[in-house]
């Protein structure tokens, strides 16, 4: 399958606002906007799906041994989802990808404590309007074990932001398999982030505040502040994150300089390695962040996550984190049928575009149900993802 390298001439710039955070601030560690992408605006709906995508009336193949995060375009990628009962659900909100994002969250930092923006009284029971920094978020999507579905979750969260008119900046640090760039660069404010060495890490930390609080333009008019950052990290990121936090004070930078709370999303499968990595993550993040553990249903039903559910250490961590006013919770990522996942992957389509295509009604139905179920899980803890209101509420 031919891959087109995007450049400034063929890139869709309909959503590139003049005040995007990188236009006036040189981020040397953010690569130019030359990510691999596919122009899907003129997709021929009559073009055949690759040979190994089954016709609509053919039983789907068993995906039990696939690697969900790998992407081989000439031979359909293994997939991190299996079949799902689509029921009679309806999509919460089907706003276009290029919907005007006009509900940016304003900041009030006058009463922020110097050491940590989360005081003892600033807990999950407080009203977000009285504590606006509850909604100022750096959401880091991690999953150190390769193939757990981290990229799929990041894409689903990006689509949820878009469909609910939530302004955000996406940073894709997964240079080997940049899903946010490949699928959503033309649909949202997404940038490639290089944090592959210590110098790049320094640049990232130094420029993070400028990203959140852009300096005034020469005209004297302030640029718009950014209140929500979605960061997708690469696999095997724990050692790098440990350096950021223990050697560079990354959490202090985010809390004190950017006045943002941190949500760490940990996507897990049913194997015990995922629990081991979660415990290691807690060893240096501690109770200074909010945790969302995502059980990927591709790997089994709810009762099959026994290592997580029965871990006494995880229960102790949950109590310790909640005692500080932070949150520690788990949600489920639903399954998506292999044919539908592969179709989006080969065509480089967003979940929204999967609903808009007319080639396969089965793909529409599967994606519709998947998004409904995914958004239903996000809605349970929307504040941890920087969402003030779901448009369907």
Protein backbone atom coordinates (compact mmCIF):
# COMPACT_ATOMS: atom_id res chain seq x y z
CA UNK A 1 0.00 0.00 0.00
CA UNK A 2 1.43 3.39 -1.02
CA UNK A 3 2.05 5.87 1.77
CA UNK A 4 2.03 9.58 1.00
CA UNK A 5 4.39 11.90 2.86
CA UNK A 6 2.54 15.01 3.82
CA UNK A 7 3.97 18.46 3.27
CA UNK A 8 2.78 22.02 3.66
CA UNK A 9 1.15 21.94 0.24
CA UNK A 10 -1.11 18.96 0.76
CA UNK A 11 -1.89 19.28 4.45
CA UNK A 12 -5.41 20.20 5.51
CA UNK A 13 -5.05 23.48 7.37
CA UNK A 14 -8.70 24.11 8.10
CA UNK A 15 -8.16 23.74 11.84
CA UNK A 16 -4.74 25.35 12.12
CA UNK A 17 -5.66 28.38 14.17
CA UNK A 18 -3.40 31.38 14.09
CA UNK A 19 -2.82 31.05 17.82
CA UNK A 20 -1.72 27.44 17.84
CA UNK A 21 0.85 27.00 20.58
CA UNK A 22 3.86 26.16 18.42
CA UNK A 23 3.50 28.86 15.80
CA UNK A 24 5.40 31.48 17.77
CA UNK A 25 7.40 29.31 20.13
CA UNK A 26 10.23 27.22 18.62
CA UNK A 27 9.98 23.72 20.05
CA UNK A 28 13.15 22.15 18.74
CA UNK A 29 12.10 18.79 20.07
CA UNK A 30 8.83 18.81 18.17
CA UNK A 31 9.36 17.52 14.68
CA UNK A 32 8.08 19.46 11.64
CA UNK A 33 4.58 18.65 10.49
CA UNK A 34 5.76 16.08 7.99
CA UNK A 35 4.20 13.03 9.60
CA UNK A 36 3.11 10.17 7.43
CA UNK A 37 -0.50 10.69 6.60
CA UNK A 38 -3.06 9.79 4.01
CA UNK A 39 -5.42 12.24 2.32
CA UNK A 40 -8.79 10.70 2.95
CA UNK A 41 -10.91 13.56 1.66
CA UNK A 42 -11.24 12.02 -1.81
CA UNK A 43 -11.41 8.35 -0.90
CA UNK A 44 -13.02 6.34 -3.63
CA UNK A 45 -15.73 4.43 -1.83
CA UNK A 46 -15.81 1.90 -4.62
CA UNK A 47 -12.18 0.98 -4.19
CA UNK A 48 -11.71 -2.53 -2.87
CA UNK A 49 -10.75 -3.18 0.70
CA UNK A 50 -7.45 -5.11 0.92
CA UNK A 51 -7.79 -8.76 0.17
CA UNK A 52 -7.50 -9.86 3.74
CA UNK A 53 -10.47 -7.80 4.94
CA UNK A 54 -13.43 -10.15 4.84
CA UNK A 55 -16.57 -9.24 2.85
CA UNK A 56 -19.61 -8.31 4.86
CA UNK A 57 -21.07 -11.80 4.83
CA UNK A 58 -17.94 -13.62 5.82
CA UNK A 59 -17.27 -14.67 9.42
CA UNK A 60 -14.49 -12.61 10.97
CA UNK A 61 -11.22 -14.23 11.77
CA UNK A 62 -9.87 -15.11 15.19
CA UNK A 63 -7.62 -12.33 16.52
CA UNK A 64 -6.49 -13.95 19.74
CA UNK A 65 -2.81 -13.93 18.80
CA UNK A 66 -2.58 -10.52 17.22
CA UNK A 67 -0.39 -7.66 18.40
CA UNK A 68 -2.78 -4.70 18.64
CA UNK A 69 -0.33 -1.83 18.36
CA UNK A 70 1.66 -3.01 15.37
CA UNK A 71 0.87 -1.43 12.01
CA UNK A 72 1.94 -3.03 8.73
CA UNK A 73 0.15 -1.23 5.97
CA UNK A 74 0.79 -3.70 3.14
CA UNK A 75 -0.49 -6.55 5.23
CA UNK A 76 -3.35 -5.58 7.51
CA UNK A 77 -2.14 -4.89 11.06
CA UNK A 78 -2.92 -7.11 13.97
CA UNK A 79 -5.67 -5.55 15.94
CA UNK A 80 -6.29 -4.78 19.55
CA UNK A 81 -9.97 -5.37 19.51
CA UNK A 82 -12.43 -8.16 18.92
CA UNK A 83 -16.10 -8.31 18.12
CA UNK A 84 -18.59 -6.28 20.09
CA UNK A 85 -22.36 -6.39 20.52
CA UNK A 86 -23.47 -3.09 19.05
CA UNK A 87 -27.00 -3.29 20.48
CA UNK A 88 -29.28 -0.37 19.87
CA UNK A 89 -26.99 2.36 21.12
CA UNK A 90 -26.85 5.82 19.64
CA UNK A 91 -23.78 7.99 19.39
CA UNK A 92 -23.58 10.60 22.16
CA UNK A 93 -22.44 13.43 19.93
CA UNK A 94 -21.46 13.36 16.28
CA UNK A 95 -19.86 16.78 15.93
CA UNK A 96 -17.57 17.02 12.87
CA UNK A 97 -13.83 16.67 13.36
CA UNK A 98 -13.36 20.31 12.45
CA UNK A 99 -16.02 21.56 14.84
CA UNK A 100 -15.30 24.98 16.32
CA UNK A 101 -13.67 24.34 19.62
CA UNK A 102 -14.99 27.20 21.65
CA UNK A 103 -15.23 26.10 25.25
CA UNK A 104 -11.69 26.62 26.39
CA UNK A 105 -11.40 26.47 30.14
CA UNK A 106 -10.31 29.67 31.80
CA UNK A 107 -7.91 29.68 34.65
CA UNK A 108 -8.05 31.17 38.11
CA UNK A 109 -4.78 30.76 39.96
CA UNK A 110 -5.04 33.43 42.62
CA UNK A 111 -5.49 30.93 45.44
CA UNK A 112 -3.11 28.27 44.18
CA UNK A 113 -0.76 26.91 46.80
CA UNK A 114 2.93 27.30 46.02
CA UNK A 115 3.91 23.68 46.40
CA UNK A 116 0.93 21.91 44.90
CA UNK A 117 -2.29 23.18 43.32
CA UNK A 118 -4.28 20.49 45.11
CA UNK A 119 -5.09 21.41 48.68
CA UNK A 120 -6.71 19.19 51.25
CA UNK A 121 -10.06 20.81 50.52
CA UNK A 122 -9.66 20.63 46.74
CA UNK A 123 -10.99 17.12 46.26
CA UNK A 124 -13.24 15.32 43.86
CA UNK A 125 -16.36 16.42 45.72
CA UNK A 126 -15.65 20.11 45.13
CA UNK A 127 -17.40 22.04 42.41
CA UNK A 128 -15.15 22.45 39.37
CA UNK A 129 -16.34 26.02 38.87
CA UNK A 130 -14.97 26.90 42.31
CA UNK A 131 -11.75 25.01 41.55
CA UNK A 132 -11.07 25.57 37.85
CA UNK A 133 -7.67 23.91 38.03
CA UNK A 134 -9.50 20.61 38.45
CA UNK A 135 -10.07 20.89 34.70
CA UNK A 136 -6.59 22.11 33.75
CA UNK A 137 -5.02 18.81 32.79
CA UNK A 138 -2.01 17.09 31.39
CA UNK A 139 -3.37 13.68 30.40
CA UNK A 140 -0.57 11.18 29.82
CA UNK A 141 -1.61 7.95 28.11
CA UNK A 142 0.84 5.20 28.97
CA UNK A 143 1.07 1.44 28.74
CA UNK A 144 4.61 0.28 29.10
CA UNK A 145 3.85 -3.23 27.97
CA UNK A 146 3.78 -3.13 24.15
CA UNK A 147 0.52 -4.03 22.46
CA UNK A 148 -1.88 -3.23 25.29
CA UNK A 149 -3.96 -0.79 23.23
CA UNK A 150 -2.47 2.52 24.36
CA UNK A 151 -2.67 4.12 20.92
CA UNK A 152 -6.27 3.04 20.40
CA UNK A 153 -7.25 4.64 23.71
CA UNK A 154 -5.44 7.88 22.81
CA UNK A 155 -7.29 8.01 19.48
CA UNK A 156 -10.62 7.38 21.18
CA UNK A 157 -9.94 10.13 23.71
CA UNK A 158 -8.97 12.58 20.95
CA UNK A 159 -12.24 11.79 19.15
CA UNK A 160 -14.16 12.30 22.40
CA UNK A 161 -12.58 15.74 22.84
CA UNK A 162 -13.42 16.71 19.26
CA UNK A 163 -17.02 15.50 19.44
CA UNK A 164 -17.56 17.43 22.69
CA UNK A 165 -15.93 20.65 21.43
CA UNK A 166 -13.12 20.43 23.97
CA UNK A 167 -10.01 22.36 23.01
CA UNK A 168 -6.79 20.41 23.50
CA UNK A 169 -3.23 20.14 22.30
CA UNK A 170 -2.07 16.65 21.35
CA UNK A 171 1.58 15.62 21.68
CA UNK A 172 2.59 12.31 20.10
CA UNK A 173 5.86 11.02 21.56
CA UNK A 174 5.51 7.54 20.05
CA UNK A 175 7.88 8.09 17.15
CA UNK A 176 7.89 4.42 16.08
CA UNK A 177 4.10 4.24 15.70
CA UNK A 178 2.62 7.75 15.91
CA UNK A 179 -1.12 7.04 15.85
CA UNK A 180 -2.24 10.51 16.98
CA UNK A 181 -0.21 12.06 14.16
CA UNK A 182 -1.28 9.52 11.55
CA UNK A 183 -5.00 9.63 12.31
CA UNK A 184 -5.71 13.02 13.89
CA UNK A 185 -3.15 15.57 12.73
CA UNK A 186 -5.60 17.06 10.24
CA UNK A 187 -8.56 16.84 12.62
CA UNK A 188 -7.09 18.53 15.70
CA UNK A 189 -4.09 20.42 17.06
CA UNK A 190 -1.62 17.51 17.15
CA UNK A 191 2.19 17.70 17.14
CA UNK A 192 5.04 15.23 17.09
CA UNK A 193 7.22 15.28 20.23
CA UNK A 194 10.78 13.99 20.37
CA UNK A 195 11.94 13.11 23.88
CA UNK A 196 14.43 10.46 22.84
CA UNK A 197 17.41 11.80 24.82
CA UNK A 198 18.22 13.96 27.83
CA UNK A 199 18.66 17.15 25.81
CA UNK A 200 15.23 16.69 24.26
CA UNK A 201 13.75 16.09 27.70
CA UNK A 202 15.23 19.39 28.93
CA UNK A 203 13.76 21.24 25.95
CA UNK A 204 10.36 19.70 26.59
CA UNK A 205 10.33 20.69 30.26
CA UNK A 206 11.65 24.19 29.53
CA UNK A 207 9.02 24.85 26.88
CA UNK A 208 6.04 23.28 28.63
CA UNK A 209 5.11 26.44 30.49
CA UNK A 210 5.33 28.46 27.28
CA UNK A 211 2.95 26.00 25.69
CA UNK A 212 0.40 26.50 28.48
CA UNK A 213 1.01 30.24 28.95
CA UNK A 214 2.16 31.71 25.61
CA UNK A 215 4.02 34.99 25.84
CA UNK A 216 2.36 38.15 24.64
CA UNK A 217 2.58 38.91 20.95
CA UNK A 218 4.47 41.99 19.78
CA UNK A 219 1.10 43.66 19.31
CA UNK A 220 0.54 43.34 23.04
CA UNK A 221 -2.37 40.96 22.66
CA UNK A 222 -2.07 37.82 24.74
CA UNK A 223 -2.27 34.48 23.01
CA UNK A 224 -4.84 32.00 24.20
CA UNK A 225 -3.77 29.89 27.14
CA UNK A 226 -3.97 26.12 26.78
CA UNK A 227 -5.75 24.25 29.53
CA UNK A 228 -5.62 20.65 28.26
CA UNK A 229 -2.73 18.62 26.87
CA UNK A 230 -3.05 15.03 25.65
CA UNK A 231 0.34 13.28 25.62
CA UNK A 232 0.69 9.81 24.13
CA UNK A 233 3.88 8.18 25.33
CA UNK A 234 5.78 5.37 23.58
CA UNK A 235 6.07 1.83 24.88
CA UNK A 236 8.89 1.18 27.34
CA UNK A 237 8.55 4.76 28.58
CA UNK A 238 8.82 4.08 32.32
CA UNK A 239 12.60 4.67 32.57
CA UNK A 240 12.26 8.00 30.73
CA UNK A 241 9.31 9.07 32.85
CA UNK A 242 11.25 8.19 35.98
CA UNK A 243 14.07 10.49 34.86
CA UNK A 244 11.57 13.28 34.13
CA UNK A 245 10.02 13.01 37.57
CA UNK A 246 12.92 12.13 39.87
CA UNK A 247 15.78 14.05 38.22
CA UNK A 248 13.99 16.96 36.54
CA UNK A 249 11.06 17.65 38.87
CA UNK A 250 8.54 17.23 36.07
CA UNK A 251 5.50 17.01 38.32
CA UNK A 252 6.55 20.17 40.14
CA UNK A 253 6.88 21.95 36.79
CA UNK A 254 3.38 20.91 35.76
CA UNK A 255 1.81 21.58 39.18
CA UNK A 256 3.56 24.82 40.11
CA UNK A 257 4.64 26.45 36.85
CA UNK A 258 1.78 25.35 34.62
CA UNK A 259 -0.85 25.18 37.37
CA UNK A 260 -2.17 21.91 35.96
CA UNK A 261 -3.13 18.60 37.48
CA UNK A 262 -1.76 15.40 35.97
CA UNK A 263 -3.82 12.39 35.00
CA UNK A 264 -1.83 9.27 34.18
CA UNK A 265 -3.80 6.78 32.08
CA UNK A 266 -2.42 3.25 32.32
CA UNK A 267 -3.78 0.81 29.73
CA UNK A 268 -3.45 -2.79 30.90
CA UNK A 269 -4.07 -6.33 29.72
CA UNK A 270 -4.73 -9.38 31.90
CA UNK A 271 -1.08 -10.36 32.43
CA UNK A 272 0.74 -9.77 35.70
CA UNK A 273 3.49 -7.69 34.05
CA UNK A 274 1.02 -4.83 33.72
CA UNK A 275 0.50 -4.83 37.49
CA UNK A 276 4.25 -4.91 38.11
CA UNK A 277 4.71 -1.89 35.87
CA UNK A 278 1.84 -0.05 37.59
CA UNK A 279 3.52 -0.57 40.96
CA UNK A 280 6.81 0.71 39.56
CA UNK A 281 5.06 3.77 38.14
CA UNK A 282 3.56 4.53 41.54
CA UNK A 283 6.98 4.20 43.18
CA UNK A 284 8.10 7.52 41.65
CA UNK A 285 4.79 9.27 40.83
CA UNK A 286 3.31 8.57 44.25
CA UNK A 287 0.09 10.27 45.27
CA UNK A 288 0.77 13.50 43.37
CA UNK A 289 -1.25 12.52 40.28
CA UNK A 290 -4.66 11.09 39.39
CA UNK A 291 -4.64 7.55 38.01
CA UNK A 292 -7.04 6.02 35.49
CA UNK A 293 -6.47 2.32 34.87
CA UNK A 294 -7.94 1.17 31.55
CA UNK A 295 -8.85 -2.50 31.22
CA UNK A 296 -8.68 -3.37 27.53
CA UNK A 297 -11.59 -5.71 26.77
CA UNK A 298 -9.71 -7.16 23.82
CA UNK A 299 -7.84 -9.29 26.33
CA UNK A 300 -10.89 -10.64 28.13
CA UNK A 301 -14.03 -9.98 30.06
CA UNK A 302 -14.06 -8.11 33.36
CA UNK A 303 -13.52 -11.22 35.48
CA UNK A 304 -10.32 -12.04 33.62
CA UNK A 305 -8.47 -9.04 35.09
CA UNK A 306 -7.92 -11.00 38.29
CA UNK A 307 -4.30 -9.93 38.77
CA UNK A 308 -5.42 -6.32 38.96
CA UNK A 309 -8.67 -6.84 40.86
CA UNK A 310 -7.14 -9.11 43.51
CA UNK A 311 -3.89 -7.23 44.07
CA UNK A 312 -3.65 -6.11 47.67
CA UNK A 313 -0.87 -3.68 46.75
CA UNK A 314 -3.10 -2.00 44.17
CA UNK A 315 -5.84 -1.65 46.79
CA UNK A 316 -3.35 -0.04 49.20
CA UNK A 317 -2.20 2.38 46.50
CA UNK A 318 -5.80 3.33 45.75
CA UNK A 319 -6.44 4.18 49.40
CA UNK A 320 -3.23 6.22 49.69
CA UNK A 321 -3.93 8.22 46.54
CA UNK A 322 -7.54 8.99 47.44
CA UNK A 323 -6.50 10.05 50.94
CA UNK A 324 -4.60 13.00 49.39
CA UNK A 325 -7.57 14.27 47.36
CA UNK A 326 -6.44 12.67 44.11
CA UNK A 327 -8.28 9.89 42.34
CA UNK A 328 -7.45 6.30 41.51
CA UNK A 329 -10.05 4.57 39.38
CA UNK A 330 -10.50 2.00 36.62
CA UNK A 331 -12.59 2.03 33.45
CA UNK A 332 -13.00 -0.37 30.54
CA UNK A 333 -12.08 0.10 26.90
CA UNK A 334 -14.64 -1.70 24.72
CA UNK A 335 -13.91 -4.13 21.92
CA UNK A 336 -14.08 -3.34 18.23
CA UNK A 337 -14.50 -5.98 15.50
CA UNK A 338 -11.31 -6.81 13.63
CA UNK A 339 -12.66 -5.96 10.18
CA UNK A 340 -13.71 -2.49 11.30
CA UNK A 341 -10.46 -1.78 13.13
CA UNK A 342 -8.41 -2.95 10.15
CA UNK A 343 -10.49 -0.91 7.72
CA UNK A 344 -9.83 2.31 9.68
CA UNK A 345 -6.17 1.41 9.99
CA UNK A 346 -5.57 0.76 6.30
CA UNK A 347 -7.50 3.83 5.20
CA UNK A 348 -5.95 6.04 7.93
CA UNK A 349 -9.44 7.11 9.02
CA UNK A 350 -10.46 8.75 12.26
CA UNK A 351 -13.33 7.16 14.14
CA UNK A 352 -15.51 10.01 12.84
CA UNK A 353 -14.56 9.18 9.26
CA UNK A 354 -15.42 5.57 9.94
CA UNK A 355 -18.97 6.75 10.59
CA UNK A 356 -19.04 8.91 7.48
CA UNK A 357 -17.86 6.27 4.99
CA UNK A 358 -20.51 4.50 2.91
CA UNK A 359 -18.50 1.51 1.73
CA UNK A 360 -19.28 -0.84 4.60
CA UNK A 361 -22.42 -0.45 6.73
CA UNK A 362 -20.94 -2.98 9.15
CA UNK A 363 -18.02 -0.63 9.82
CA UNK A 364 -20.44 2.20 10.54
CA UNK A 365 -22.37 0.04 13.01
CA UNK A 366 -19.32 -1.29 14.79
CA UNK A 367 -17.64 2.12 15.14
CA UNK A 368 -20.91 3.72 16.25
CA UNK A 369 -21.31 1.21 19.06
CA UNK A 370 -17.64 1.36 20.03
CA UNK A 371 -17.71 5.15 20.35
CA UNK A 372 -20.91 5.06 22.37
CA UNK A 373 -19.42 2.59 24.83
CA UNK A 374 -16.02 4.33 24.92
CA UNK A 375 -17.56 7.74 25.63
CA UNK A 376 -19.78 6.19 28.27
CA UNK A 377 -16.66 5.08 30.13
CA UNK A 378 -14.97 8.49 29.77
CA UNK A 379 -18.13 10.21 31.03
CA UNK A 380 -17.85 8.36 34.35
CA UNK A 381 -14.66 10.28 35.15
CA UNK A 382 -14.83 13.17 32.71
CA UNK A 383 -13.15 15.65 35.08
CA UNK A 384 -10.01 13.49 35.14
CA UNK A 385 -9.82 13.93 31.36
CA UNK A 386 -10.35 17.70 31.47
CA UNK A 387 -13.95 17.55 30.23
CA UNK A 388 -16.41 19.88 31.92
CA UNK A 389 -19.56 18.82 30.07
CA UNK A 390 -20.58 16.05 27.69
CA UNK A 391 -22.67 17.66 24.95
CA UNK A 392 -25.35 14.98 25.16
CA UNK A 393 -26.02 15.74 28.83
